[in-house]
Structures are given as C-alpha cells and as structure tokens.
C-alpha cells in the first residue's frame, strides 16, 4: 500500500458532511503532523444559475456530492487517518484498495498535477506576487492558495496592519523576486 508520490484520491462521505469531513480531516492532518503527506483536501464546486421567484442568480454547488478529493501520499498511516475521520465511509476503489485518479480524470475536473501547476502559472504557494491590474493594482502579496479550476490565487496583502486574504485572477498577478 506504500507509495512515495502524492496522488489524488477520492473519499466517499455521508451526504451533506463534505465540509465537515474537509475541516475534520485538515485538523487530523495537523494533529498527526502529516502536512507533508496529506497535501490538500478539496470539495470541487461548480457555478450554477438558479431561477427562484423569477430572479436568476449564480450559486455554487458541489460537483460531486458525498465525495471529497484528497491529494496525498498513500501509506498505512495516511490511509488510517483519512479512513478514520468522522463522516468518511471509505475510498473509491475496489474493496478496500484506494485507486488514485488518472491524469485524464484530473484534467477533466480541472485539476492539474503539481509539476504543471507552477510552470503554467509562473508562481507557487509562498511566492511574492505583484497585482498588475484591477482594484488591487500595484499591491504586493504572498500566495497562500492556488485554485487552478477557477484560475485564481488567494494572496495575503497587508491592509491596515493586518494580513488580509484577497482572491485574484491568474491574469492579474505576476511573481516578483525579492
């Protein structure tokens, strides 16, 4: 069951528990010091236009209800932590053997492998970036999160002496060398 490379796996959850599982799993990762083995827990969302009382509005819905995606190195310890997180009913795969997503499946969902992430956008988590246009033009910040499917990055900027998260389009930021 041991693997040294992080891959994306799909865990099945009780319906409606996806956010709770994400929160609990991220806490378990911290408590067990597995940040270098369980890299990301994701609930893919999709924008949907709903019409209610004659008014159209865009809302976000879970792309795969009752599932969470986990970018992790599969070994006995990480398997145990995920499998024993409250709300997780198991991994997707035959029997008890988790099967990672293929490159094509990841591409179809808008998830890119770690190697292509940095080269495609030109920056990675922890990098300093400069906002080139928009409301935050000429502001610098530190990249804290990258969302490839939405083509946005969450950067932390200094606002009134506090670190404030701001979501910016890939097209509006560039890496700066310090």
Protein backbone atom coordinates (compact mmCIF):
# COMPACT_ATOMS: atom_id res chain seq x y z
CA UNK A 1 0.00 0.00 0.00
CA UNK A 2 3.05 2.30 0.31
CA UNK A 3 3.62 4.97 -2.33
CA UNK A 4 6.08 7.86 -2.17
CA UNK A 5 4.35 10.16 -4.67
CA UNK A 6 1.33 12.30 -3.81
CA UNK A 7 -1.69 11.45 -5.95
CA UNK A 8 -5.34 12.48 -5.91
CA UNK A 9 -7.72 10.03 -4.24
CA UNK A 10 -11.49 10.20 -3.79
CA UNK A 11 -13.07 9.56 -0.40
CA UNK A 12 -16.78 8.85 -0.01
CA UNK A 13 -18.60 10.72 2.77
CA UNK A 14 -22.05 10.80 4.24
CA UNK A 15 -24.23 13.08 2.12
CA UNK A 16 -24.08 16.65 3.40
CA UNK A 17 -20.96 16.02 5.50
CA UNK A 18 -18.39 17.05 2.85
CA UNK A 19 -17.46 20.38 4.53
CA UNK A 20 -17.30 18.79 8.00
CA UNK A 21 -15.10 15.97 6.66
CA UNK A 22 -12.79 18.54 5.00
CA UNK A 23 -12.47 20.52 8.25
CA UNK A 24 -12.01 17.44 10.45
CA UNK A 25 -9.51 15.84 8.08
CA UNK A 26 -7.43 19.04 7.86
CA UNK A 27 -7.42 19.14 11.69
CA UNK A 28 -6.39 15.45 11.87
CA UNK A 29 -3.55 16.14 9.42
CA UNK A 30 -2.26 18.93 11.68
CA UNK A 31 -2.67 16.88 14.87
CA UNK A 32 -0.76 13.95 13.36
CA UNK A 33 1.87 16.20 11.67
CA UNK A 34 1.12 14.77 8.22
CA UNK A 35 1.17 18.07 6.30
CA UNK A 36 3.95 16.69 4.09
CA UNK A 37 1.90 13.57 3.22
CA UNK A 38 -1.71 14.79 3.01
CA UNK A 39 -1.27 17.94 0.97
CA UNK A 40 -4.79 19.09 0.12
CA UNK A 41 -8.43 18.28 0.77
CA UNK A 42 -10.78 19.61 -1.89
CA UNK A 43 -14.51 19.81 -2.49
CA UNK A 44 -14.85 20.69 -6.19
CA UNK A 45 -17.53 23.33 -6.76
CA UNK A 46 -19.33 24.43 -9.91
CA UNK A 47 -21.27 27.64 -10.60
CA UNK A 48 -24.93 27.01 -11.42
CA UNK A 49 -27.58 29.55 -12.42
CA UNK A 50 -30.78 29.09 -10.42
CA UNK A 51 -34.09 30.79 -11.04
CA UNK A 52 -36.08 31.49 -7.89
CA UNK A 53 -39.17 33.73 -7.80
CA UNK A 54 -38.34 34.91 -11.32
CA UNK A 55 -34.83 36.05 -10.29
CA UNK A 56 -31.77 34.37 -11.74
CA UNK A 57 -28.71 34.08 -9.54
CA UNK A 58 -25.48 32.16 -9.68
CA UNK A 59 -24.79 29.79 -6.80
CA UNK A 60 -22.01 27.32 -6.11
CA UNK A 61 -22.93 23.65 -5.89
CA UNK A 62 -20.80 20.63 -5.09
CA UNK A 63 -19.62 18.99 -8.30
CA UNK A 64 -19.57 15.56 -6.60
CA UNK A 65 -21.97 15.45 -3.64
CA UNK A 66 -20.87 12.98 -0.93
CA UNK A 67 -17.24 12.94 -2.13
CA UNK A 68 -14.05 14.81 -1.24
CA UNK A 69 -10.79 14.77 -3.20
CA UNK A 70 -7.56 14.30 -1.29
CA UNK A 71 -4.05 14.94 -2.64
CA UNK A 72 -1.95 12.59 -0.55
CA UNK A 73 0.90 10.12 -0.35
CA UNK A 74 -0.84 6.78 0.21
CA UNK A 75 0.63 4.73 3.03
CA UNK A 76 -0.76 2.89 6.07
CA UNK A 77 -0.65 5.99 8.29
CA UNK A 78 -2.37 8.39 5.85
CA UNK A 79 -4.90 5.72 4.88
CA UNK A 80 -5.74 5.22 8.56
CA UNK A 81 -6.12 8.95 9.27
CA UNK A 82 -8.46 9.53 6.30
CA UNK A 83 -10.43 6.31 6.80
CA UNK A 84 -10.99 7.09 10.50
CA UNK A 85 -12.10 10.69 10.01
CA UNK A 86 -15.70 11.08 11.16
CA UNK A 87 -18.05 11.12 8.14
CA UNK A 88 -15.72 9.23 5.78
CA UNK A 89 -17.23 5.93 4.65
CA UNK A 90 -14.27 4.81 2.55
CA UNK A 91 -12.12 5.40 -0.51
CA UNK A 92 -13.25 4.94 -4.09
CA UNK A 93 -11.72 1.75 -5.43
CA UNK A 94 -12.31 -1.99 -5.48
CA UNK A 95 -12.71 -3.43 -1.98
CA UNK A 96 -10.57 -1.52 0.48
CA UNK A 97 -7.86 -0.61 -2.05
CA UNK A 98 -7.93 3.12 -2.92
CA UNK A 99 -7.35 3.91 -6.59
CA UNK A 100 -5.79 7.29 -7.48
CA UNK A 101 -7.31 9.47 -10.18
CA UNK A 102 -5.65 9.23 -13.57
CA UNK A 103 -4.06 12.25 -15.27
CA UNK A 104 -7.01 12.35 -17.70
CA UNK A 105 -9.60 12.27 -14.90
CA UNK A 106 -7.76 15.09 -13.15
CA UNK A 107 -7.62 17.12 -16.36
CA UNK A 108 -11.35 16.59 -16.95
CA UNK A 109 -12.04 18.04 -13.48
CA UNK A 110 -9.69 20.98 -13.94
CA UNK A 111 -7.07 19.61 -11.53
CA UNK A 112 -3.50 19.72 -12.69
CA UNK A 113 -0.56 17.80 -11.31
CA UNK A 114 1.89 19.62 -9.03
CA UNK A 115 4.60 19.75 -11.71
CA UNK A 116 2.43 21.52 -14.27
CA UNK A 117 0.90 23.89 -11.72
CA UNK A 118 3.94 26.09 -11.09
CA UNK A 119 5.22 26.14 -14.67
CA UNK A 120 1.82 27.06 -16.10
CA UNK A 121 1.06 29.98 -13.77
CA UNK A 122 4.60 31.13 -13.04
CA UNK A 123 4.24 31.22 -9.24
CA UNK A 124 3.58 28.85 -6.38
CA UNK A 125 2.38 28.96 -2.78
CA UNK A 126 4.66 31.16 -0.67
CA UNK A 127 5.81 33.32 -3.59
CA UNK A 128 5.58 37.12 -3.52
CA UNK A 129 3.42 38.48 -6.32
CA UNK A 130 2.52 41.89 -7.71
CA UNK A 131 -1.04 42.69 -8.76
CA UNK A 132 -0.85 44.08 -12.33
CA UNK A 133 -4.44 45.31 -12.74
CA UNK A 134 -7.81 45.71 -11.08
CA UNK A 135 -8.74 47.15 -7.69
CA UNK A 136 -5.52 45.93 -6.05
CA UNK A 137 -3.18 47.14 -8.83
CA UNK A 138 0.44 47.73 -7.67
CA UNK A 139 -0.19 45.81 -4.42
CA UNK A 140 2.18 43.02 -3.44
CA UNK A 141 1.17 39.92 -1.52
CA UNK A 142 2.10 36.37 -0.66
CA UNK A 143 0.38 33.47 -2.45
CA UNK A 144 -1.38 31.25 0.12
CA UNK A 145 -3.67 29.17 -2.10
CA UNK A 146 -3.95 28.35 -5.81
CA UNK A 147 -7.23 27.29 -7.40
CA UNK A 148 -6.45 26.00 -10.89
CA UNK A 149 -10.03 25.17 -11.82
CA UNK A 150 -11.14 28.77 -11.12
CA UNK A 151 -7.79 30.21 -12.31
CA UNK A 152 -7.46 32.29 -9.13
CA UNK A 153 -4.95 32.64 -6.34
CA UNK A 154 -5.62 33.73 -2.78
CA UNK A 155 -2.93 36.16 -1.72
CA UNK A 156 -2.42 37.78 1.65
CA UNK A 157 -1.92 41.54 1.49
CA UNK A 158 -1.11 43.96 4.28
CA UNK A 159 -4.21 46.06 4.92
CA UNK A 160 -4.39 48.34 7.96
CA UNK A 161 -1.54 46.41 9.56
CA UNK A 162 -3.26 43.03 9.18
CA UNK A 163 -2.79 40.18 6.72
CA UNK A 164 -5.95 40.07 4.62
CA UNK A 165 -6.81 37.31 2.11
CA UNK A 166 -7.73 38.51 -1.40
CA UNK A 167 -8.72 36.29 -4.35
CA UNK A 168 -7.10 37.44 -7.60
CA UNK A 169 -7.24 36.08 -11.16
CA UNK A 170 -4.05 34.44 -12.50
CA UNK A 171 -4.07 37.03 -15.30
CA UNK A 172 -3.82 39.92 -12.83
CA UNK A 173 -0.71 38.81 -10.90
CA UNK A 174 2.94 38.08 -11.59
CA UNK A 175 5.73 36.71 -9.43
CA UNK A 176 8.21 39.24 -8.07
CA UNK A 177 11.75 38.47 -6.98
CA UNK A 178 12.70 39.90 -3.60
